[in-house]
């Protein structure tokens, strides 16, 4: 009996902890995706001066649930000419890549699924899995439109990951850490101190504010490209490629692609919140500060960035491929490198 209790104490409690830590982000992703889909429908309707969904539930709030049920009921079809193993595996890989990134997101000072010292590096590394899923799905579909969409996605991700990485590296230089929890701790204080990392201190720190604001804008633009959001949705350009890399997908497999896109939207918003907006810190110093309030602040800030992403989608037209490459290589990359160089010099000589 004692040995059984010992084994339970040794493995059972740890197993329950692991299951809870894994299940909480998954539950959050599923609920968030439904809320984000409803927000997409309602915000787009508001921008275009129309009602949006109104029939499914009060004010149409059950429309995302109806869409999920519809997708689950659709027949699961695999094209005869496709590479069946890769075709069926791609949706799960792209969703796994998006979900795995939640492991290092610091929702509060008390909750972070995996508090690792190379959190930002991990996010960029795990993001490659999602890109691999897109390429796998596009190639395995044996459809020229799917393949063209996948190739567009690869070129887009390669182009915009570099300025995004330069923006993130600049904050790593400022905070002297890649741990996202430590970066959040470094921004404790009032909202006007967040760009100063550690409080006002020397007035020379004020000179880096224009560079950090520029990097924030560059990272936001790059994040739109990495999540294939308008105006960077050329991998799934409906007017040119039917639906791009997921043309041949339907039912639950299409839902996996759909959920992965919204999960990635929150991931890039959470990274933006962590490195530029103070993370889970209250913008009012010690007022409404603490682990419980931290979750509220973090989700509120992240959802604000998601709102801007939706706003941009229904405001701007899609870029051409040459415009996308020009912006990435000739505008964002030089600007982010100049800001990184200036911040590095500041940290070196301060």
Protein backbone atom coordinates (compact mmCIF):
# COMPACT_ATOMS: atom_id res chain seq x y z
CA UNK A 1 0.00 0.00 0.00
CA UNK A 2 2.82 2.35 0.86
CA UNK A 3 4.58 1.59 -2.42
CA UNK A 4 1.38 2.39 -4.34
CA UNK A 5 1.06 5.74 -2.56
CA UNK A 6 4.73 6.44 -3.27
CA UNK A 7 4.31 5.73 -6.98
CA UNK A 8 1.21 7.95 -7.08
CA UNK A 9 3.03 10.76 -5.29
CA UNK A 10 5.99 10.39 -7.62
CA UNK A 11 4.21 10.07 -10.96
CA UNK A 12 0.49 10.70 -10.48
CA UNK A 13 0.68 14.27 -9.24
CA UNK A 14 3.28 15.20 -11.85
CA UNK A 15 1.14 13.63 -14.57
CA UNK A 16 -1.92 15.58 -13.46
CA UNK A 17 0.14 18.79 -13.47
CA UNK A 18 1.39 18.11 -16.99
CA UNK A 19 -2.14 17.33 -18.23
CA UNK A 20 -3.47 20.55 -16.67
CA UNK A 21 -0.67 22.67 -18.13
CA UNK A 22 -1.24 21.15 -21.58
CA UNK A 23 -5.05 21.29 -21.43
CA UNK A 24 -5.37 24.91 -20.30
CA UNK A 25 -3.77 26.46 -23.42
CA UNK A 26 -5.70 24.02 -25.65
CA UNK A 27 -9.00 25.01 -24.05
CA UNK A 28 -8.03 28.66 -24.38
CA UNK A 29 -7.17 28.22 -28.09
CA UNK A 30 -10.53 26.60 -28.86
CA UNK A 31 -12.55 29.26 -27.02
CA UNK A 32 -10.40 32.07 -28.40
CA UNK A 33 -10.83 30.79 -31.98
CA UNK A 34 -14.63 30.92 -31.66
CA UNK A 35 -14.48 34.44 -30.19
CA UNK A 36 -12.01 35.59 -32.88
CA UNK A 37 -14.18 34.21 -35.69
CA UNK A 38 -17.21 36.04 -34.30
CA UNK A 39 -15.11 39.19 -33.91
CA UNK A 40 -13.96 38.86 -37.53
CA UNK A 41 -17.56 38.64 -38.72
CA UNK A 42 -18.87 41.48 -36.56
CA UNK A 43 -15.91 43.86 -37.03
CA UNK A 44 -15.93 43.38 -40.79
CA UNK A 45 -19.68 44.07 -40.81
CA UNK A 46 -19.16 47.20 -38.70
CA UNK A 47 -16.40 48.48 -40.99
CA UNK A 48 -18.52 47.84 -44.09
CA UNK A 49 -21.70 49.26 -42.50
CA UNK A 50 -23.77 46.07 -42.44
CA UNK A 51 -25.19 43.77 -39.78
CA UNK A 52 -23.20 40.58 -40.17
CA UNK A 53 -24.60 37.31 -38.72
CA UNK A 54 -27.88 37.92 -36.86
CA UNK A 55 -29.91 34.72 -37.10
CA UNK A 56 -27.83 32.12 -35.23
CA UNK A 57 -28.40 32.84 -31.55
CA UNK A 58 -28.89 36.29 -30.01
CA UNK A 59 -27.29 38.84 -32.36
CA UNK A 60 -25.64 35.95 -34.22
CA UNK A 61 -23.20 35.05 -31.41
CA UNK A 62 -23.60 31.31 -32.10
CA UNK A 63 -22.53 31.62 -35.75
CA UNK A 64 -18.94 30.33 -35.07
CA UNK A 65 -20.39 27.29 -33.27
CA UNK A 66 -22.67 26.60 -36.24
CA UNK A 67 -19.72 26.84 -38.62
CA UNK A 68 -17.69 24.38 -36.54
CA UNK A 69 -20.60 21.91 -36.45
CA UNK A 70 -21.00 22.28 -40.22
CA UNK A 71 -17.32 21.53 -40.84
CA UNK A 72 -17.38 18.52 -38.51
CA UNK A 73 -20.35 17.05 -40.42
CA UNK A 74 -18.76 17.37 -43.85
CA UNK A 75 -17.48 14.25 -45.57
CA UNK A 76 -13.76 13.57 -45.14
CA UNK A 77 -12.40 13.37 -48.70
CA UNK A 78 -8.85 12.57 -49.81
CA UNK A 79 -8.09 13.20 -53.53
CA UNK A 80 -7.01 10.08 -55.42
CA UNK A 81 -3.97 11.77 -56.98
CA UNK A 82 -2.70 13.18 -53.65
CA UNK A 83 0.16 11.84 -51.52
CA UNK A 84 -2.26 10.53 -48.95
CA UNK A 85 -0.01 10.32 -45.89
CA UNK A 86 1.38 13.83 -46.26
CA UNK A 87 -1.99 15.22 -47.34
CA UNK A 88 -3.72 13.96 -44.19
CA UNK A 89 -0.79 14.85 -41.92
CA UNK A 90 -0.39 18.49 -43.02
CA UNK A 91 -3.37 20.00 -41.13
CA UNK A 92 -2.27 18.40 -37.87
CA UNK A 93 1.32 19.57 -38.31
CA UNK A 94 0.36 23.18 -38.96
CA UNK A 95 -2.00 23.22 -35.96
CA UNK A 96 0.60 21.51 -33.75
CA UNK A 97 3.16 24.17 -34.67
CA UNK A 98 0.74 26.96 -33.74
CA UNK A 99 -0.31 25.25 -30.50
CA UNK A 100 3.26 24.41 -29.44
CA UNK A 101 4.14 28.11 -29.45
CA UNK A 102 1.76 28.62 -26.51
CA UNK A 103 4.24 26.73 -24.30
CA UNK A 104 6.39 29.83 -23.73
CA UNK A 105 3.72 32.54 -23.63
CA UNK A 106 3.73 34.24 -20.19
CA UNK A 107 0.05 34.79 -19.45
CA UNK A 108 0.93 36.15 -16.00
CA UNK A 109 3.79 36.20 -13.51
CA UNK A 110 2.39 32.96 -12.05
CA UNK A 111 1.44 31.01 -15.19
CA UNK A 112 3.73 30.17 -18.06
CA UNK A 113 3.54 26.55 -19.33
CA UNK A 114 7.32 26.28 -19.95
CA UNK A 115 9.57 28.91 -18.44
CA UNK A 116 12.65 28.32 -20.60
CA UNK A 117 15.57 30.69 -21.05
CA UNK A 118 15.39 30.66 -24.86
CA UNK A 119 11.66 31.29 -25.21
CA UNK A 120 11.89 33.74 -28.12
CA UNK A 121 14.28 31.46 -30.00
CA UNK A 122 11.87 28.57 -29.38
CA UNK A 123 8.95 30.53 -30.88
CA UNK A 124 10.85 31.24 -34.10
CA UNK A 125 12.05 27.63 -34.30
CA UNK A 126 8.61 26.14 -33.73
CA UNK A 127 7.12 28.53 -36.29
CA UNK A 128 9.01 26.63 -38.98
CA UNK A 129 6.79 23.62 -38.27
CA UNK A 130 3.72 25.58 -39.38
CA UNK A 131 5.53 26.59 -42.57
CA UNK A 132 6.41 22.94 -43.16
CA UNK A 133 2.74 22.01 -42.79
CA UNK A 134 1.73 24.59 -45.40
CA UNK A 135 4.33 23.31 -47.89
CA UNK A 136 3.41 19.71 -47.15
CA UNK A 137 -0.30 20.33 -47.72
CA UNK A 138 0.27 22.33 -50.89
CA UNK A 139 2.65 19.80 -52.46
CA UNK A 140 0.74 16.67 -51.38
CA UNK A 141 -2.55 17.94 -52.85
CA UNK A 142 -1.31 17.38 -56.45
CA UNK A 143 -2.98 20.65 -57.42
CA UNK A 144 -1.10 23.39 -59.22
CA UNK A 145 -2.93 26.13 -57.34
CA UNK A 146 -2.13 24.50 -54.00
CA UNK A 147 1.53 24.13 -54.96
CA UNK A 148 1.77 27.76 -56.11
CA UNK A 149 0.21 28.91 -52.83
CA UNK A 150 2.68 26.82 -50.84
CA UNK A 151 5.66 28.25 -52.75
CA UNK A 152 4.36 31.77 -52.23
CA UNK A 153 4.06 31.06 -48.52
CA UNK A 154 7.66 29.87 -48.30
CA UNK A 155 9.04 32.96 -50.03
CA UNK A 156 6.86 35.19 -47.85
CA UNK A 157 7.90 33.54 -44.59
CA UNK A 158 11.59 33.65 -45.45
CA UNK A 159 11.36 37.32 -46.43
CA UNK A 160 9.52 38.54 -43.35
CA UNK A 161 11.03 36.32 -40.65
CA UNK A 162 14.30 38.27 -40.96
CA UNK A 163 12.95 41.75 -40.05
CA UNK A 164 10.75 40.14 -37.36
CA UNK A 165 13.82 38.41 -35.92
CA UNK A 166 15.80 41.68 -36.01
CA UNK A 167 13.02 43.42 -34.05
CA UNK A 168 12.94 40.65 -31.47
CA UNK A 169 16.75 40.56 -31.20
CA UNK A 170 16.77 44.29 -30.47
CA UNK A 171 14.55 43.70 -27.44
CA UNK A 172 16.74 40.76 -26.41
CA UNK A 173 19.74 43.12 -26.46
CA UNK A 174 17.85 45.68 -24.36
CA UNK A 175 16.60 43.19 -21.78
CA UNK A 176 19.70 40.90 -21.89
CA UNK A 177 17.43 37.84 -22.00
CA UNK A 178 15.47 35.61 -24.37
CA UNK A 179 13.23 34.47 -21.51
CA UNK A 180 9.80 35.99 -22.12
CA UNK A 181 9.00 36.05 -18.42
CA UNK A 182 12.16 38.03 -17.66
CA UNK A 183 11.39 40.43 -20.52
CA UNK A 184 7.99 41.06 -18.94
CA UNK A 185 9.59 41.63 -15.53
CA UNK A 186 12.00 44.13 -17.12
CA UNK A 187 9.06 46.29 -18.16
CA UNK A 188 7.48 46.67 -14.72
CA UNK A 189 6.22 50.19 -14.10
CA UNK A 190 4.00 52.74 -15.77
CA UNK A 191 3.25 52.47 -19.48
CA UNK A 192 5.66 55.30 -20.35
CA UNK A 193 8.49 53.26 -18.81
CA UNK A 194 7.94 50.14 -20.93
CA UNK A 195 10.19 51.29 -23.78
CA UNK A 196 12.88 52.22 -21.27
CA UNK A 197 13.23 48.73 -19.77
CA UNK A 198 13.62 49.13 -16.05
CA UNK A 199 12.27 52.62 -15.37
CA UNK A 200 13.32 56.10 -16.43
CA UNK A 201 16.90 55.91 -15.13
CA UNK A 202 19.21 57.96 -17.31
CA UNK A 203 17.65 60.45 -19.70
CA UNK A 204 19.80 58.96 -22.45
CA UNK A 205 17.34 56.07 -22.53
CA UNK A 206 14.76 58.40 -24.05
CA UNK A 207 16.73 58.36 -27.33
CA UNK A 208 15.93 54.69 -27.95
CA UNK A 209 12.16 55.23 -27.84
CA UNK A 210 11.86 56.16 -31.58
CA UNK A 211 13.84 53.04 -32.49
CA UNK A 212 11.70 50.71 -30.34
CA UNK A 213 8.49 52.23 -31.72
CA UNK A 214 9.81 51.75 -35.26
CA UNK A 215 10.68 48.14 -34.45
CA UNK A 216 7.21 47.60 -33.02
CA UNK A 217 5.66 48.77 -36.31
CA UNK A 218 8.09 46.63 -38.33
CA UNK A 219 7.35 43.55 -36.22
CA UNK A 220 3.59 44.07 -36.53
CA UNK A 221 3.83 44.30 -40.34
CA UNK A 222 6.05 41.20 -40.45
CA UNK A 223 3.62 39.33 -38.17
CA UNK A 224 0.80 39.99 -40.65
CA UNK A 225 2.92 38.41 -43.38
CA UNK A 226 3.83 35.40 -41.21
CA UNK A 227 0.18 34.69 -40.44
CA UNK A 228 -0.90 35.16 -44.09
CA UNK A 229 -3.26 37.97 -43.19
CA UNK A 230 -4.37 40.72 -45.58
CA UNK A 231 -2.63 42.54 -47.18
CA UNK A 232 -0.18 39.60 -47.20
CA UNK A 233 -2.62 36.76 -47.98
CA UNK A 234 -1.18 35.96 -51.42
CA UNK A 235 -0.55 32.27 -50.48
CA UNK A 236 -4.34 31.81 -50.44
CA UNK A 237 -5.35 34.56 -52.85
CA UNK A 238 -8.90 33.59 -53.84
CA UNK A 239 -8.93 35.72 -57.00
CA UNK A 240 -5.80 33.99 -58.31
CA UNK A 241 -5.38 30.56 -56.67
CA UNK A 242 -8.95 29.46 -55.75
CA UNK A 243 -7.92 29.07 -52.07
CA UNK A 244 -4.16 28.56 -52.29
CA UNK A 245 -2.44 25.83 -50.31
CA UNK A 246 -5.67 24.46 -48.78
CA UNK A 247 -7.73 24.37 -52.01
CA UNK A 248 -8.23 20.59 -51.82
CA UNK A 249 -9.11 20.50 -48.13
CA UNK A 250 -12.56 20.40 -46.58
CA UNK A 251 -14.35 19.44 -43.39
CA UNK A 252 -12.31 18.96 -40.24
CA UNK A 253 -9.01 19.25 -42.14
CA UNK A 254 -9.94 22.69 -43.42
CA UNK A 255 -11.03 23.59 -39.88
CA UNK A 256 -7.53 22.68 -38.64
CA UNK A 257 -6.00 25.15 -41.12
CA UNK A 258 -8.58 27.74 -40.09
CA UNK A 259 -7.94 27.30 -36.36
CA UNK A 260 -4.19 27.36 -36.91
CA UNK A 261 -4.44 30.77 -38.60
CA UNK A 262 -6.32 32.25 -35.65
CA UNK A 263 -4.01 30.56 -33.16
CA UNK A 264 -1.02 32.10 -34.96
CA UNK A 265 -2.74 35.49 -34.84
CA UNK A 266 -2.84 35.27 -31.04
CA UNK A 267 0.75 33.96 -30.81
CA UNK A 268 2.23 36.90 -32.73
CA UNK A 269 -0.02 39.28 -30.76
CA UNK A 270 1.16 37.71 -27.50
CA UNK A 271 4.81 38.14 -28.54
CA UNK A 272 4.11 41.77 -29.48
CA UNK A 273 2.44 42.30 -26.10
CA UNK A 274 5.34 40.70 -24.24
CA UNK A 275 8.19 42.58 -25.89
CA UNK A 276 6.56 45.95 -26.65
CA UNK A 277 3.51 46.44 -24.41
CA UNK A 278 4.74 45.35 -21.00
CA UNK A 279 3.38 41.80 -21.08
CA UNK A 280 1.16 41.05 -18.09
CA UNK A 281 2.19 44.25 -16.30
CA UNK A 282 -0.44 46.83 -15.43
CA UNK A 283 -0.02 50.07 -17.42
CA UNK A 284 -0.74 51.96 -14.18
CA UNK A 285 2.22 50.85 -12.07
CA UNK A 286 1.18 48.94 -8.94
CA UNK A 287 -2.51 49.67 -9.50
CA UNK A 288 -4.40 46.48 -10.53
CA UNK A 289 -1.12 44.56 -10.50
CA UNK A 290 -0.81 40.88 -9.54
CA UNK A 291 -1.04 37.34 -11.02
CA UNK A 292 -4.83 37.45 -11.42
CA UNK A 293 -4.86 40.93 -12.91
CA UNK A 294 -1.86 39.98 -15.06
CA UNK A 295 -3.90 37.44 -17.03
CA UNK A 296 -6.55 40.10 -17.67
CA UNK A 297 -4.01 42.69 -18.83
CA UNK A 298 -2.18 40.19 -21.04
CA UNK A 299 -5.32 38.92 -22.79
CA UNK A 300 -6.72 42.46 -23.13
CA UNK A 301 -3.52 43.75 -24.76
CA UNK A 302 -3.22 40.71 -27.03
CA UNK A 303 -6.85 40.94 -28.11
CA UNK A 304 -6.28 44.61 -28.93
CA UNK A 305 -3.55 43.58 -31.39
CA UNK A 306 -5.84 40.89 -32.84
CA UNK A 307 -8.48 43.61 -33.31
CA UNK A 308 -5.98 45.71 -35.29
CA UNK A 309 -5.13 42.67 -37.44
CA UNK A 310 -8.82 42.21 -38.26
CA UNK A 311 -9.21 45.95 -38.86
CA UNK A 312 -6.30 45.94 -41.32
CA UNK A 313 -7.74 42.95 -43.17
CA UNK A 314 -10.98 44.72 -43.95
CA UNK A 315 -9.31 48.02 -44.82
CA UNK A 316 -6.37 47.31 -47.15
CA UNK A 317 -6.27 45.49 -50.51
CA UNK A 318 -3.99 42.53 -51.17
CA UNK A 319 -0.40 43.28 -52.22
CA UNK A 320 1.09 41.98 -55.42
CA UNK A 321 4.00 39.57 -55.08
CA UNK A 322 6.55 42.17 -56.21
CA UNK A 323 5.15 44.73 -53.75
CA UNK A 324 5.38 42.20 -50.94
CA UNK A 325 9.02 41.42 -51.70
CA UNK A 326 9.90 45.11 -52.08
CA UNK A 327 8.44 45.95 -48.68
CA UNK A 328 10.16 43.04 -46.98
CA UNK A 329 13.67 43.28 -48.46
CA UNK A 330 14.04 46.98 -49.31
CA UNK A 331 12.05 48.65 -46.52
CA UNK A 332 11.55 46.52 -43.41
CA UNK A 333 14.94 44.77 -43.47
CA UNK A 334 17.10 47.95 -43.72
CA UNK A 335 14.93 49.80 -41.18
CA UNK A 336 15.02 46.95 -38.65
CA UNK A 337 18.78 46.55 -39.11
CA UNK A 338 19.40 50.27 -38.52
CA UNK A 339 17.26 50.17 -35.35
CA UNK A 340 19.05 47.03 -34.15
CA UNK A 341 22.45 48.66 -34.77
CA UNK A 342 21.42 51.85 -32.91
CA UNK A 343 20.06 49.94 -29.91
CA UNK A 344 23.18 47.75 -29.79
CA UNK A 345 25.40 50.85 -29.74
CA UNK A 346 23.28 52.34 -26.97
CA UNK A 347 23.56 49.22 -24.83
CA UNK A 348 27.30 48.98 -25.52
CA UNK A 349 28.15 52.55 -24.48
CA UNK A 350 25.53 53.28 -21.82
